[in-house]
């Protein structure tokens, strides 16, 4: 299956080339968001990430489907 991944903020540093472009990733059926993190070698604590799948926030264990669009971004906090 093919997933379109958009990396935001500092996560863009994890890839080479034009970091503003979405990445198309081929994964086996039944893969999860965690599998994408492993595929991209993103070693950020998942508790510090926000996962937005097809416009809705979700969690690391969410199973993906062909054609899904995933936005990965660092969670923001402050005061």
Protein backbone atom coordinates (compact mmCIF):
# COMPACT_ATOMS: atom_id res chain seq x y z
CA UNK A 1 0.00 0.00 0.00
CA UNK A 2 1.07 3.58 -0.61
CA UNK A 3 0.97 6.28 2.11
CA UNK A 4 1.64 9.99 1.58
CA UNK A 5 3.63 11.43 4.49
CA UNK A 6 4.11 15.13 5.27
CA UNK A 7 6.86 15.99 7.76
CA UNK A 8 6.58 19.25 9.69
CA UNK A 9 8.99 21.42 11.68
CA UNK A 10 12.19 19.71 12.85
CA UNK A 11 11.10 16.32 11.50
CA UNK A 12 12.02 17.58 8.03
CA UNK A 13 15.66 17.29 9.06
CA UNK A 14 15.31 13.49 8.97
CA UNK A 15 15.19 13.36 5.19
CA UNK A 16 17.47 14.51 2.42
CA UNK A 17 16.40 16.43 -0.64
CA UNK A 18 13.44 18.77 -0.81
CA UNK A 19 12.08 18.42 2.70
CA UNK A 20 8.93 20.43 1.98
CA UNK A 21 7.63 17.82 -0.44
CA UNK A 22 5.44 14.93 0.73
CA UNK A 23 7.04 11.49 0.81
CA UNK A 24 5.30 8.50 -0.76
CA UNK A 25 6.03 5.34 1.20
CA UNK A 26 5.18 1.77 0.17
CA UNK A 27 4.37 -0.48 3.12
CA UNK A 28 2.79 -3.91 3.55
CA UNK A 29 -0.94 -4.08 4.30
CA UNK A 30 -1.65 -3.85 8.01
CA UNK A 31 1.22 -1.44 8.72
CA UNK A 32 0.84 1.21 11.41
CA UNK A 33 2.08 4.74 12.02
CA UNK A 34 4.83 3.20 14.16
CA UNK A 35 6.02 1.31 11.08
CA UNK A 36 6.33 4.64 9.23
CA UNK A 37 8.48 6.06 12.05
CA UNK A 38 10.72 3.01 11.81
CA UNK A 39 10.87 3.23 8.01
CA UNK A 40 11.93 6.90 8.18
CA UNK A 41 14.31 6.25 11.11
CA UNK A 42 12.59 8.91 13.21
CA UNK A 43 13.87 8.47 16.74
CA UNK A 44 11.78 11.11 18.48
CA UNK A 45 9.83 9.98 21.53
CA UNK A 46 6.35 9.27 20.10
CA UNK A 47 4.91 11.07 23.14
CA UNK A 48 6.33 14.28 21.67
CA UNK A 49 4.73 13.81 18.26
CA UNK A 50 1.33 14.58 16.84
CA UNK A 51 -0.10 12.15 14.28
CA UNK A 52 -2.77 13.51 11.92
CA UNK A 53 -4.22 10.89 9.60
CA UNK A 54 -6.54 12.13 6.86
CA UNK A 55 -7.17 15.32 8.86
CA UNK A 56 -7.84 13.66 12.23
CA UNK A 57 -5.49 13.18 15.15
CA UNK A 58 -4.76 9.58 16.01
CA UNK A 59 -2.22 7.41 17.85
CA UNK A 60 0.95 5.52 17.06
CA UNK A 61 -0.78 2.14 16.73
CA UNK A 62 -3.29 3.30 14.11
CA UNK A 63 -3.44 0.87 11.19
CA UNK A 64 -3.02 2.50 7.78
CA UNK A 65 -4.89 1.98 4.52
CA UNK A 66 -3.79 2.50 0.93
CA UNK A 67 -4.05 6.17 -0.03
CA UNK A 68 -3.92 7.53 3.52
CA UNK A 69 -2.31 10.93 4.09
CA UNK A 70 -0.28 11.25 7.29
CA UNK A 71 1.05 14.47 8.80
CA UNK A 72 3.81 14.04 11.39
CA UNK A 73 4.65 17.00 13.57
CA UNK A 74 6.30 17.73 16.87
CA UNK A 75 3.89 18.54 19.67
CA UNK A 76 4.06 22.15 20.81
CA UNK A 77 3.89 23.29 24.39
CA UNK A 78 4.81 26.45 26.12
CA UNK A 79 3.79 29.03 28.55
